[in-house]
PDB file of N, CA and C in Angstrom:
ATOM      1  N   MET A   1      89.525 135.646 306.085  1.00  0.00           N
ATOM      2  CA  MET A   1      88.789 135.826 304.858  1.00  0.00           C
ATOM      3  C   MET A   1      87.492 136.577 305.159  1.00  0.00           C
ATOM      4  N   TRP A   2      87.117 137.483 304.260  1.00  0.00           N
ATOM      5  CA  TRP A   2      85.912 138.283 304.455  1.00  0.00           C
ATOM      6  C   TRP A   2      84.662 137.461 304.148  1.00  0.00           C
ATOM      7  N   PRO A   3      83.675 137.580 304.989  1.00  0.00           N
ATOM      8  CA  PRO A   3      82.417 136.884 304.685  1.00  0.00           C
ATOM      9  C   PRO A   3      81.720 137.540 303.487  1.00  0.00           C
ATOM     10  N   TRP A   4      80.992 136.756 302.733  1.00  0.00           N
ATOM     11  CA  TRP A   4      80.316 137.233 301.526  1.00  0.00           C
ATOM     12  C   TRP A   4      79.294 138.331 301.844  1.00  0.00           C
ATOM     13  N   TYR A   5      78.515 138.183 302.900  1.00  0.00           N
ATOM     14  CA  TYR A   5      77.487 139.168 303.220  1.00  0.00           C
ATOM     15  C   TYR A   5      78.094 140.531 303.536  1.00  0.00           C
ATOM     16  N   SER A   6      79.282 140.569 304.128  1.00  0.00           N
ATOM     17  CA  SER A   6      79.935 141.834 304.437  1.00  0.00           C
ATOM     18  C   SER A   6      80.306 142.581 303.153  1.00  0.00           C
ATOM     19  N   PHE A   7      80.836 141.862 302.185  1.00  0.00           N
ATOM     20  CA  PHE A   7      81.176 142.473 300.900  1.00  0.00           C
ATOM     21  C   PHE A   7      79.922 143.021 300.227  1.00  0.00           C
ATOM     22  N   ARG A   8      78.860 142.237 300.238  1.00  0.00           N
ATOM     23  CA  ARG A   8      77.611 142.645 299.601  1.00  0.00           C
ATOM     24  C   ARG A   8      77.028 143.881 300.287  1.00  0.00           C
ATOM     25  N   GLN A   9      77.071 143.921 301.602  1.00  0.00           N
ATOM     26  CA  GLN A   9      76.561 145.080 302.329  1.00  0.00           C
ATOM     27  C   GLN A   9      77.371 146.329 302.007  1.00  0.00           C
ATOM     28  N   ASN A  10      78.689 146.194 301.989  1.00  0.00           N
ATOM     29  CA  ASN A  10      79.536 147.339 301.650  1.00  0.00           C
ATOM     30  C   ASN A  10      79.280 147.818 300.229  1.00  0.00           C
ATOM     31  N   PHE A  11      79.140 146.902 299.309  1.00  0.00           N
ATOM     32  CA  PHE A  11      78.876 147.258 297.918  1.00  0.00           C
ATOM     33  C   PHE A  11      77.556 148.020 297.791  1.00  0.00           C
ATOM     34  N   LEU A  12      76.511 147.524 298.428  1.00  0.00           N
ATOM     35  CA  LEU A  12      75.213 148.199 298.381  1.00  0.00           C
ATOM     36  C   LEU A  12      75.263 149.564 299.059  1.00  0.00           C
ATOM     37  N   PHE A  13      76.012 149.659 300.141  1.00  0.00           N
ATOM     38  CA  PHE A  13      76.179 150.926 300.849  1.00  0.00           C
ATOM     39  C   PHE A  13      76.825 151.970 299.935  1.00  0.00           C
ATOM     40  N   TYR A  14      77.933 151.614 299.266  1.00  0.00           N
ATOM     41  CA  TYR A  14      78.619 152.541 298.360  1.00  0.00           C
ATOM     42  C   TYR A  14      77.769 152.864 297.138  1.00  0.00           C
ATOM     43  N   LEU A  15      77.053 151.892 296.628  1.00  0.00           N
ATOM     44  CA  LEU A  15      76.185 152.120 295.479  1.00  0.00           C
ATOM     45  C   LEU A  15      75.067 153.102 295.826  1.00  0.00           C
ATOM     46  N   PHE A  16      74.505 152.966 297.015  1.00  0.00           N
ATOM     47  CA  PHE A  16      73.452 153.874 297.468  1.00  0.00           C
ATOM     48  C   PHE A  16      73.961 155.312 297.536  1.00  0.00           C
ATOM     49  N   PHE A  17      75.125 155.539 298.124  1.00  0.00           N
ATOM     50  CA  PHE A  17      75.653 156.895 298.250  1.00  0.00           C
ATOM     51  C   PHE A  17      76.128 157.461 296.919  1.00  0.00           C
ATOM     52  N   LEU A  18      76.591 156.611 296.028  1.00  0.00           N
ATOM     53  CA  LEU A  18      76.952 157.073 294.690  1.00  0.00           C
ATOM     54  C   LEU A  18      75.716 157.572 293.957  1.00  0.00           C
ATOM     55  N   LYS A  19      74.641 156.832 294.039  1.00  0.00           N
ATOM     56  CA  LYS A  19      73.396 157.238 293.390  1.00  0.00           C
ATOM     57  C   LYS A  19      72.855 158.517 294.019  1.00  0.00           C
ATOM     58  N   LEU A  20      72.926 158.623 295.311  1.00  0.00           N
ATOM     59  CA  LEU A  20      72.464 159.814 296.014  1.00  0.00           C
ATOM     60  C   LEU A  20      73.281 161.036 295.604  1.00  0.00           C
ATOM     61  N   THR A  21      74.574 160.875 295.453  1.00  0.00           N
ATOM     62  CA  THR A  21      75.453 161.974 295.053  1.00  0.00           C
ATOM     63  C   THR A  21      75.161 162.421 293.632  1.00  0.00           C
ATOM     64  N   LEU A  22      74.990 161.494 292.722  1.00  0.00           N
ATOM     65  CA  LEU A  22      74.730 161.837 291.327  1.00  0.00           C
ATOM     66  C   LEU A  22      73.347 162.444 291.129  1.00  0.00           C
ATOM     67  N   ALA A  23      72.409 162.139 291.991  1.00  0.00           N
ATOM     68  CA  ALA A  23      71.055 162.665 291.861  1.00  0.00           C
ATOM     69  C   ALA A  23      70.966 164.130 292.255  1.00  0.00           C
ATOM     70  N   GLN A  24      71.952 164.657 292.944  1.00  0.00           N
ATOM     71  CA  GLN A  24      71.910 166.023 293.440  1.00  0.00           C
ATOM     72  C   GLN A  24      72.627 167.014 292.528  1.00  0.00           C
ATOM     73  N   VAL A  25      72.641 166.784 291.223  1.00  0.00           N
ATOM     74  CA  VAL A  25      73.314 167.671 290.281  1.00  0.00           C
ATOM     75  C   VAL A  25      72.463 168.925 290.092  1.00  0.00           C
ATOM     76  N   PRO A  26      73.000 170.111 290.369  1.00  0.00           N
ATOM     77  CA  PRO A  26      72.218 171.337 290.210  1.00  0.00           C
ATOM     78  C   PRO A  26      72.043 171.694 288.737  1.00  0.00           C
ATOM     79  N   VAL A  27      70.933 172.363 288.437  1.00  0.00           N
ATOM     80  CA  VAL A  27      70.643 172.803 287.080  1.00  0.00           C
ATOM     81  C   VAL A  27      70.873 174.306 287.013  1.00  0.00           C
ATOM     82  N   ASP A  28      71.632 174.754 286.032  1.00  0.00           N
ATOM     83  CA  ASP A  28      71.898 176.172 285.837  1.00  0.00           C
ATOM     84  C   ASP A  28      70.825 176.728 284.911  1.00  0.00           C
ATOM     85  N   CYS A  29      69.925 177.552 285.439  1.00  0.00           N
ATOM     86  CA  CYS A  29      68.778 178.056 284.679  1.00  0.00           C
ATOM     87  C   CYS A  29      68.870 179.559 284.459  1.00  0.00           C
ATOM     88  N   CYS A  30      68.267 180.005 283.359  1.00  0.00           N
ATOM     89  CA  CYS A  30      68.086 181.435 283.114  1.00  0.00           C
ATOM     90  C   CYS A  30      66.873 181.894 283.913  1.00  0.00           C
ATOM     91  N   LEU A  31      67.022 182.989 284.617  1.00  0.00           N
ATOM     92  CA  LEU A  31      65.905 183.545 285.375  1.00  0.00           C
ATOM     93  C   LEU A  31      65.198 184.638 284.599  1.00  0.00           C
ATOM     94  N   SER A  32      65.900 185.232 283.627  1.00  0.00           N
ATOM     95  CA  SER A  32      65.314 186.239 282.743  1.00  0.00           C
ATOM     96  C   SER A  32      66.009 186.141 281.391  1.00  0.00           C
ATOM     97  N   VAL A  33      65.430 186.794 280.383  1.00  0.00           N
ATOM     98  CA  VAL A  33      65.992 186.736 279.032  1.00  0.00           C
ATOM     99  C   VAL A  33      66.297 188.140 278.526  1.00  0.00           C
ATOM    100  N   ALA A  34      67.242 188.225 277.579  1.00  0.00           N
ATOM    101  CA  ALA A  34      67.628 189.512 276.991  1.00  0.00           C
ATOM    102  C   ALA A  34      66.527 189.994 276.054  1.00  0.00           C
ATOM    103  N   THR A  35      66.328 191.298 276.012  1.00  0.00           N
ATOM    104  CA  THR A  35      65.322 191.855 275.111  1.00  0.00           C
ATOM    105  C   THR A  35      65.945 192.383 273.831  1.00  0.00           C
ATOM    106  N   ARG A  36      67.221 192.746 273.873  1.00  0.00           N
ATOM    107  CA  ARG A  36      67.867 193.240 272.658  1.00  0.00           C
ATOM    108  C   ARG A  36      68.741 192.142 272.059  1.00  0.00           C
ATOM    109  N   PRO A  37      68.911 192.179 270.749  1.00  0.00           N
ATOM    110  CA  PRO A  37      69.668 191.127 270.061  1.00  0.00           C
ATOM    111  C   PRO A  37      71.120 191.022 270.528  1.00  0.00           C
ATOM    112  N   ILE A  38      71.640 189.814 270.461  1.00  0.00           N
ATOM    113  CA  ILE A  38      73.030 189.520 270.806  1.00  0.00           C
ATOM    114  C   ILE A  38      73.843 189.520 269.517  1.00  0.00           C
ATOM    115  N   GLU A  39      75.041 190.077 269.556  1.00  0.00           N
ATOM    116  CA  GLU A  39      75.881 190.146 268.361  1.00  0.00           C
ATOM    117  C   GLU A  39      76.319 188.751 267.916  1.00  0.00           C
ATOM    118  N   LYS A  40      76.275 188.524 266.602  1.00  0.00           N
ATOM    119  CA  LYS A  40      76.634 187.218 266.045  1.00  0.00           C
ATOM    120  C   LYS A  40      78.081 186.847 266.322  1.00  0.00           C
ATOM    121  N   ARG A  41      78.956 187.812 266.296  1.00  0.00           N
ATOM    122  CA  ARG A  41      80.386 187.514 266.440  1.00  0.00           C
ATOM    123  C   ARG A  41      80.743 187.005 267.835  1.00  0.00           C
ATOM    124  N   LEU A  42      79.878 187.221 268.808  1.00  0.00           N
ATOM    125  CA  LEU A  42      80.148 186.784 270.179  1.00  0.00           C
ATOM    126  C   LEU A  42      79.765 185.329 270.438  1.00  0.00           C
ATOM    127  N   VAL A  43      78.812 184.814 269.669  1.00  0.00           N
ATOM    128  CA  VAL A  43      78.199 183.523 269.981  1.00  0.00           C
ATOM    129  C   VAL A  43      78.967 182.364 269.361  1.00  0.00           C
ATOM    130  N   ALA A  44      79.212 181.333 270.170  1.00  0.00           N
ATOM    131  CA  ALA A  44      79.912 180.141 269.706  1.00  0.00           C
ATOM    132  C   ALA A  44      79.017 178.901 269.694  1.00  0.00           C
ATOM    133  N   ASN A  45      78.004 178.860 270.555  1.00  0.00           N
ATOM    134  CA  ASN A  45      77.145 177.686 270.646  1.00  0.00           C
ATOM    135  C   ASN A  45      75.842 178.080 271.336  1.00  0.00           C
ATOM    136  N   TYR A  46      74.882 177.166 271.324  1.00  0.00           N
ATOM    137  CA  TYR A  46      73.615 177.413 272.019  1.00  0.00           C
ATOM    138  C   TYR A  46      73.015 176.095 272.476  1.00  0.00           C
ATOM    139  N   ARG A  47      72.084 176.213 273.426  1.00  0.00           N
ATOM    140  CA  ARG A  47      71.296 175.069 273.880  1.00  0.00           C
ATOM    141  C   ARG A  47      69.938 175.589 274.334  1.00  0.00           C
ATOM    142  N   HIS A  48      69.007 174.678 274.538  1.00  0.00           N
ATOM    143  CA  HIS A  48      67.650 175.061 274.916  1.00  0.00           C
ATOM    144  C   HIS A  48      67.397 174.763 276.392  1.00  0.00           C
ATOM    145  N   GLN A  49      66.630 175.651 277.015  1.00  0.00           N
ATOM    146  CA  GLN A  49      66.172 175.454 278.389  1.00  0.00           C
ATOM    147  C   GLN A  49      64.666 175.273 278.322  1.00  0.00           C
ATOM    148  N   VAL A  50      64.154 174.205 278.906  1.00  0.00           N
ATOM    149  CA  VAL A  50      62.734 173.896 278.840  1.00  0.00           C
ATOM    150  C   VAL A  50      62.092 174.126 280.202  1.00  0.00           C
ATOM    151  N   GLN A  51      60.985 174.860 280.187  1.00  0.00           N
ATOM    152  CA  GLN A  51      60.250 175.117 281.421  1.00  0.00           C
ATOM    153  C   GLN A  51      59.696 173.801 281.960  1.00  0.00           C
ATOM    154  N   GLY A  52      59.769 173.632 283.253  1.00  0.00           N
ATOM    155  CA  GLY A  52      59.229 172.437 283.878  1.00  0.00           C
ATOM    156  C   GLY A  52      60.248 171.330 284.070  1.00  0.00           C
ATOM    157  N   GLN A  53      61.429 171.467 283.498  1.00  0.00           N
ATOM    158  CA  GLN A  53      62.478 170.463 283.689  1.00  0.00           C
ATOM    159  C   GLN A  53      63.554 171.031 284.616  1.00  0.00           C
ATOM    160  N   GLY A  54      63.110 171.614 285.707  1.00  0.00           N
ATOM    161  CA  GLY A  54      64.020 172.185 286.684  1.00  0.00           C
ATOM    162  C   GLY A  54      64.197 173.684 286.545  1.00  0.00           C
ATOM    163  N   CYS A  55      63.595 174.290 285.520  1.00  0.00           N
ATOM    164  CA  CYS A  55      63.731 175.730 285.279  1.00  0.00           C
ATOM    165  C   CYS A  55      62.352 176.376 285.174  1.00  0.00           C
ATOM    166  N   ALA A  56      62.283 177.670 285.494  1.00  0.00           N
ATOM    167  CA  ALA A  56      61.000 178.368 285.554  1.00  0.00           C
ATOM    168  C   ALA A  56      60.516 178.878 284.201  1.00  0.00           C
ATOM    169  N   ILE A  57      61.423 179.160 283.251  1.00  0.00           N
ATOM    170  CA  ILE A  57      61.025 179.728 281.960  1.00  0.00           C
ATOM    171  C   ILE A  57      61.680 178.975 280.805  1.00  0.00           C
ATOM    172  N   ASP A  58      61.045 179.070 279.623  1.00  0.00           N
ATOM    173  CA  ASP A  58      61.661 178.588 278.389  1.00  0.00           C
ATOM    174  C   ASP A  58      62.664 179.633 277.925  1.00  0.00           C
ATOM    175  N   ALA A  59      63.819 179.188 277.449  1.00  0.00           N
ATOM    176  CA  ALA A  59      64.835 180.124 276.971  1.00  0.00           C
ATOM    177  C   ALA A  59      65.796 179.406 276.034  1.00  0.00           C
ATOM    178  N   THR A  60      66.490 180.206 275.232  1.00  0.00           N
ATOM    179  CA  THR A  60      67.615 179.722 274.446  1.00  0.00           C
ATOM    180  C   THR A  60      68.860 180.288 275.108  1.00  0.00           C
ATOM    181  N   ILE A  61      69.797 179.421 275.458  1.00  0.00           N
ATOM    182  CA  ILE A  61      71.013 179.849 276.143  1.00  0.00           C
ATOM    183  C   ILE A  61      72.155 179.840 275.140  1.00  0.00           C
ATOM    184  N   PHE A  62      72.714 181.020 274.886  1.00  0.00           N
ATOM    185  CA  PHE A  62      73.837 181.152 273.971  1.00  0.00           C
ATOM    186  C   PHE A  62      75.129 181.156 274.778  1.00  0.00           C
ATOM    187  N   LEU A  63      76.132 180.461 274.261  1.00  0.00           N
ATOM    188  CA  LEU A  63      77.441 180.392 274.895  1.00  0.00           C
ATOM    189  C   LEU A  63      78.401 181.248 274.087  1.00  0.00           C
ATOM    190  N   SER A  64      79.049 182.199 274.750  1.00  0.00           N
ATOM    191  CA  SER A  64      79.974 183.089 274.044  1.00  0.00           C
ATOM    192  C   SER A  64      81.325 182.413 273.868  1.00  0.00           C
ATOM    193  N   ARG A  65      82.175 183.017 273.051  1.00  0.00           N
ATOM    194  CA  ARG A  65      83.514 182.475 272.826  1.00  0.00           C
ATOM    195  C   ARG A  65      84.336 182.470 274.106  1.00  0.00           C
ATOM    196  N   GLY A  66      84.049 183.384 275.007  1.00  0.00           N
ATOM    197  CA  GLY A  66      84.777 183.458 276.272  1.00  0.00           C
ATOM    198  C   GLY A  66      84.220 182.571 277.359  1.00  0.00           C
ATOM    199  N   GLY A  67      83.134 181.843 277.073  1.00  0.00           N
ATOM    200  CA  GLY A  67      82.563 180.936 278.055  1.00  0.00           C
ATOM    201  C   GLY A  67      81.397 181.491 278.842  1.00  0.00           C
ATOM    202  N   ARG A  68      80.957 182.710 278.546  1.00  0.00           N
ATOM    203  CA  ARG A  68      79.822 183.297 279.262  1.00  0.00           C
ATOM    204  C   ARG A  68      78.516 182.828 278.645  1.00  0.00           C
ATOM    205  N   THR A  69      77.467 182.796 279.448  1.00  0.00           N
ATOM    206  CA  THR A  69      76.151 182.415 278.943  1.00  0.00           C
ATOM    207  C   THR A  69      75.264 183.641 278.845  1.00  0.00           C
ATOM    208  N   MET A  70      74.441 183.658 277.784  1.00  0.00           N
ATOM    209  CA  MET A  70      73.496 184.746 277.559  1.00  0.00           C
ATOM    210  C   MET A  70      72.140 184.120 277.261  1.00  0.00           C
ATOM    211  N   CYS A  71      71.112 184.570 277.939  1.00  0.00           N
ATOM    212  CA  CYS A  71      69.781 183.998 277.799  1.00  0.00           C
ATOM    213  C   CYS A  71      68.931 184.844 276.861  1.00  0.00           C
ATOM    214  N   ALA A  72      68.176 184.166 275.993  1.00  0.00           N
ATOM    215  CA  ALA A  72      67.344 184.851 275.011  1.00  0.00           C
ATOM    216  C   ALA A  72      65.970 184.187 274.962  1.00  0.00           C
ATOM    217  N   PRO A  73      64.940 184.950 274.538  1.00  0.00           N
ATOM    218  CA  PRO A  73      63.611 184.356 274.413  1.00  0.00           C
ATOM    219  C   PRO A  73      63.589 183.305 273.304  1.00  0.00           C
ATOM    220  N   VAL A  74      62.666 182.385 273.387  1.00  0.00           N
ATOM    221  CA  VAL A  74      62.640 181.256 272.459  1.00  0.00           C
ATOM    222  C   VAL A  74      62.120 181.629 271.079  1.00  0.00           C
ATOM    223  N   ASN A  75      61.040 182.381 270.997  1.00  0.00           N
ATOM    224  CA  ASN A  75      60.335 182.561 269.727  1.00  0.00           C
ATOM    225  C   ASN A  75      60.613 183.873 269.000  1.00  0.00           C
ATOM    226  N   GLU A  76      61.672 184.560 269.325  1.00  0.00           N
ATOM    227  CA  GLU A  76      61.999 185.809 268.633  1.00  0.00           C
ATOM    228  C   GLU A  76      62.699 185.510 267.308  1.00  0.00           C
ATOM    229  N   LYS A  77      62.484 186.378 266.318  1.00  0.00           N
ATOM    230  CA  LYS A  77      63.097 186.185 265.001  1.00  0.00           C
ATOM    231  C   LYS A  77      64.618 186.274 265.083  1.00  0.00           C
ATOM    232  N   TRP A  78      65.143 187.236 265.846  1.00  0.00           N
ATOM    233  CA  TRP A  78      66.594 187.389 265.925  1.00  0.00           C
ATOM    234  C   TRP A  78      67.262 186.190 266.589  1.00  0.00           C
ATOM    235  N   VAL A  79      66.536 185.512 267.478  1.00  0.00           N
ATOM    236  CA  VAL A  79      67.070 184.311 268.123  1.00  0.00           C
ATOM    237  C   VAL A  79      67.168 183.177 267.104  1.00  0.00           C
ATOM    238  N   GLU A  80      66.130 183.020 266.289  1.00  0.00           N
ATOM    239  CA  GLU A  80      66.153 181.994 265.243  1.00  0.00           C
ATOM    240  C   GLU A  80      67.264 182.267 264.237  1.00  0.00           C
ATOM    241  N   ASP A  81      67.452 183.539 263.867  1.00  0.00           N
ATOM    242  CA  ASP A  81      68.527 183.906 262.938  1.00  0.00           C
ATOM    243  C   ASP A  81      69.899 183.595 263.533  1.00  0.00           C
ATOM    244  N   LEU A  82      70.067 183.878 264.808  1.00  0.00           N
ATOM    245  CA  LEU A  82      71.344 183.622 265.475  1.00  0.00           C
ATOM    246  C   LEU A  82      71.630 182.122 265.580  1.00  0.00           C
ATOM    247  N   LYS A  83      70.607 181.327 265.877  1.00  0.00           N
ATOM    248  CA  LYS A  83      70.779 179.874 265.923  1.00  0.00           C
ATOM    249  C   LYS A  83      71.142 179.334 264.541  1.00  0.00           C
ATOM    250  N   ARG A  84      70.501 179.844 263.504  1.00  0.00           N
ATOM    251  CA  ARG A  84      70.807 179.429 262.135  1.00  0.00           C
ATOM    252  C   ARG A  84      72.255 179.783 261.783  1.00  0.00           C
ATOM    253  N   HIS A  85      72.708 180.964 262.213  1.00  0.00           N
ATOM    254  CA  HIS A  85      74.084 181.397 261.972  1.00  0.00           C
ATOM    255  C   HIS A  85      75.090 180.440 262.637  1.00  0.00           C
ATOM    256  N   VAL A  86      74.832 180.067 263.880  1.00  0.00           N
ATOM    257  CA  VAL A  86      75.719 179.145 264.597  1.00  0.00           C
ATOM    258  C   VAL A  86      75.730 177.779 263.912  1.00  0.00           C
ATOM    259  N   ASP A  87      74.568 177.310 263.473  1.00  0.00           N
ATOM    260  CA  ASP A  87      74.499 176.026 262.773  1.00  0.00           C
ATOM    261  C   ASP A  87      75.282 176.063 261.466  1.00  0.00           C
ATOM    262  N   GLN A  88      75.198 177.187 260.740  1.00  0.00           N
ATOM    263  CA  GLN A  88      75.952 177.326 259.489  1.00  0.00           C
ATOM    264  C   GLN A  88      77.455 177.327 259.759  1.00  0.00           C
ATOM    265  N   LEU A  89      77.881 177.990 260.817  1.00  0.00           N
ATOM    266  CA  LEU A  89      79.304 177.996 261.164  1.00  0.00           C
ATOM    267  C   LEU A  89      79.799 176.597 261.535  1.00  0.00           C
ATOM    268  N   ARG A  90      78.990 175.849 262.257  1.00  0.00           N
ATOM    269  CA  ARG A  90      79.361 174.476 262.602  1.00  0.00           C
ATOM    270  C   ARG A  90      79.527 173.626 261.340  1.00  0.00           C
ATOM    271  N   THR A  91      78.578 173.769 260.402  1.00  0.00           N
ATOM    272  CA  THR A  91      78.648 173.021 259.146  1.00  0.00           C
ATOM    273  C   THR A  91      79.893 173.407 258.364  1.00  0.00           C
ATOM    274  N   TYR A  92      80.169 174.699 258.291  1.00  0.00           N
ATOM    275  CA  TYR A  92      81.350 175.181 257.575  1.00  0.00           C
ATOM    276  C   TYR A  92      82.632 174.641 258.209  1.00  0.00           C
ATOM    277  N   CYS A  93      82.691 174.670 259.516  1.00  0.00           N
ATOM    278  CA  CYS A  93      83.889 174.191 260.213  1.00  0.00           C
ATOM    279  C   CYS A  93      84.109 172.698 259.979  1.00  0.00           C
ATOM    280  N   LYS A  94      83.035 171.926 259.968  1.00  0.00           N
ATOM    281  CA  LYS A  94      83.173 170.494 259.716  1.00  0.00           C
ATOM    282  C   LYS A  94      83.684 170.242 258.306  1.00  0.00           C
ATOM    283  N   LYS A  95      83.184 171.007 257.336  1.00  0.00           N
ATOM    284  CA  LYS A  95      83.635 170.845 255.948  1.00  0.00           C
ATOM    285  C   LYS A  95      85.101 171.220 255.796  1.00  0.00           C
ATOM    286  N   GLN A  96      85.561 172.205 256.550  1.00  0.00           N
ATOM    287  CA  GLN A  96      86.943 172.673 256.459  1.00  0.00           C
ATOM    288  C   GLN A  96      87.897 171.860 257.338  1.00  0.00           C
ATOM    289  N   ASN A  97      87.363 170.905 258.083  1.00  0.00           N
ATOM    290  CA  ASN A  97      88.163 170.052 258.978  1.00  0.00           C
ATOM    291  C   ASN A  97      88.957 170.851 260.007  1.00  0.00           C
ATOM    292  N   TYR A  98      88.316 171.845 260.584  1.00  0.00           N
ATOM    293  CA  TYR A  98      88.974 172.611 261.641  1.00  0.00           C
ATOM    294  C   TYR A  98      89.036 171.787 262.918  1.00  0.00           C
ATOM    295  N   VAL A  99      90.038 172.048 263.731  1.00  0.00           N
ATOM    296  CA  VAL A  99      90.203 171.345 264.998  1.00  0.00           C
ATOM    297  C   VAL A  99      89.136 171.840 265.966  1.00  0.00           C
ATOM    298  N   VAL A 100      88.512 170.915 266.644  1.00  0.00           N
ATOM    299  CA  VAL A 100      87.470 171.262 267.608  1.00  0.00           C
ATOM    300  C   VAL A 100      88.096 171.342 268.988  1.00  0.00           C
ATOM    301  N   ARG A 101      87.896 172.468 269.658  1.00  0.00           N
ATOM    302  CA  ARG A 101      88.371 172.663 271.030  1.00  0.00           C
ATOM    303  C   ARG A 101      87.177 173.007 271.906  1.00  0.00           C
ATOM    304  N   SER A 102      87.246 172.672 273.149  1.00  0.00           N
ATOM    305  CA  SER A 102      86.141 173.016 274.034  1.00  0.00           C
ATOM    306  C   SER A 102      86.544 174.193 274.914  1.00  0.00           C
ATOM    307  N   LEU A 103      85.546 174.919 275.367  1.00  0.00           N
ATOM    308  CA  LEU A 103      85.777 176.036 276.284  1.00  0.00           C
ATOM    309  C   LEU A 103      86.020 175.500 277.684  1.00  0.00           C
ATOM    310  N   TYR A 104      86.557 176.357 278.543  1.00  0.00           N
ATOM    311  CA  TYR A 104      86.831 175.913 279.903  1.00  0.00           C
ATOM    312  C   TYR A 104      85.561 175.574 280.650  1.00  0.00           C
ATOM    313  N   SER A 105      84.478 176.296 280.438  1.00  0.00           N
ATOM    314  CA  SER A 105      83.256 176.030 281.188  1.00  0.00           C
ATOM    315  C   SER A 105      82.260 175.185 280.409  1.00  0.00           C
ATOM    316  N   ALA A 106      82.597 174.784 279.201  1.00  0.00           N
ATOM    317  CA  ALA A 106      81.654 174.029 278.384  1.00  0.00           C
ATOM    318  C   ALA A 106      81.747 172.537 278.686  1.00  0.00           C
ATOM    319  N   SER A 107      80.623 171.874 278.578  1.00  0.00           N
ATOM    320  CA  SER A 107      80.622 170.429 278.763  1.00  0.00           C
ATOM    321  C   SER A 107      81.017 169.747 277.457  1.00  0.00           C
ATOM    322  N   GLN A 108      81.076 168.425 277.458  1.00  0.00           N
ATOM    323  CA  GLN A 108      81.493 167.693 276.268  1.00  0.00           C
ATOM    324  C   GLN A 108      80.572 167.980 275.092  1.00  0.00           C
ATOM    325  N   GLN A 109      79.282 168.132 275.305  1.00  0.00           N
ATOM    326  CA  GLN A 109      78.378 168.361 274.190  1.00  0.00           C
ATOM    327  C   GLN A 109      78.443 169.798 273.686  1.00  0.00           C
ATOM    328  N   ASP A 110      79.064 170.686 274.410  1.00  0.00           N
ATOM    329  CA  ASP A 110      79.162 172.077 273.994  1.00  0.00           C
ATOM    330  C   ASP A 110      80.479 172.384 273.294  1.00  0.00           C
ATOM    331  N   LYS A 111      81.103 171.376 272.700  1.00  0.00           N
ATOM    332  CA  LYS A 111      82.341 171.631 271.970  1.00  0.00           C
ATOM    333  C   LYS A 111      82.030 172.514 270.772  1.00  0.00           C
ATOM    334  N   LEU A 112      82.969 173.328 270.391  1.00  0.00           N
ATOM    335  CA  LEU A 112      82.710 174.251 269.301  1.00  0.00           C
ATOM    336  C   LEU A 112      83.912 174.391 268.397  1.00  0.00           C
ATOM    337  N   CYS A 113      83.653 174.897 267.239  1.00  0.00           N
ATOM    338  CA  CYS A 113      84.697 175.123 266.248  1.00  0.00           C
ATOM    339  C   CYS A 113      85.178 176.560 266.398  1.00  0.00           C
ATOM    340  N   ARG A 114      86.479 176.758 266.425  1.00  0.00           N
ATOM    341  CA  ARG A 114      87.044 178.089 266.617  1.00  0.00           C
ATOM    342  C   ARG A 114      87.438 178.735 265.284  1.00  0.00           C
ATOM    343  N   CYS A 115      86.788 178.357 264.192  1.00  0.00           N
ATOM    344  CA  CYS A 115      87.203 178.897 262.899  1.00  0.00           C
ATOM    345  C   CYS A 115      86.552 180.237 262.605  1.00  0.00           C
ATOM    346  N   PHE A 116      85.654 180.710 263.424  1.00  0.00           N
ATOM    347  CA  PHE A 116      84.962 181.962 263.131  1.00  0.00           C
ATOM    348  C   PHE A 116      85.361 183.053 264.079  1.00  0.00           C
TER     349      PHE A 116
END
């Protein structure tokens, strides 16, 4: 029979390495941003990048239908218009009950509607 302290030591050992492994998740950051507008028909989703949380600059990261990422400045008018367009498409897709599929490189929160 295994002694109790041996089980506890093994459990703590595995817990320590699990925490160490999960803490080393790399952050994918934009190093520069686009200066010209991105076409609306290409964009499927977006997220924000905040300076100081592992990244050097503030940016809006747009996800294309093909899974590519495009970086844009935060406070530009065309960026706000593009974000509003994506939000309207999401609302429309929810109202129409379209099936939601995720892209190959997208995470669970980056699921998108393919109705547009």
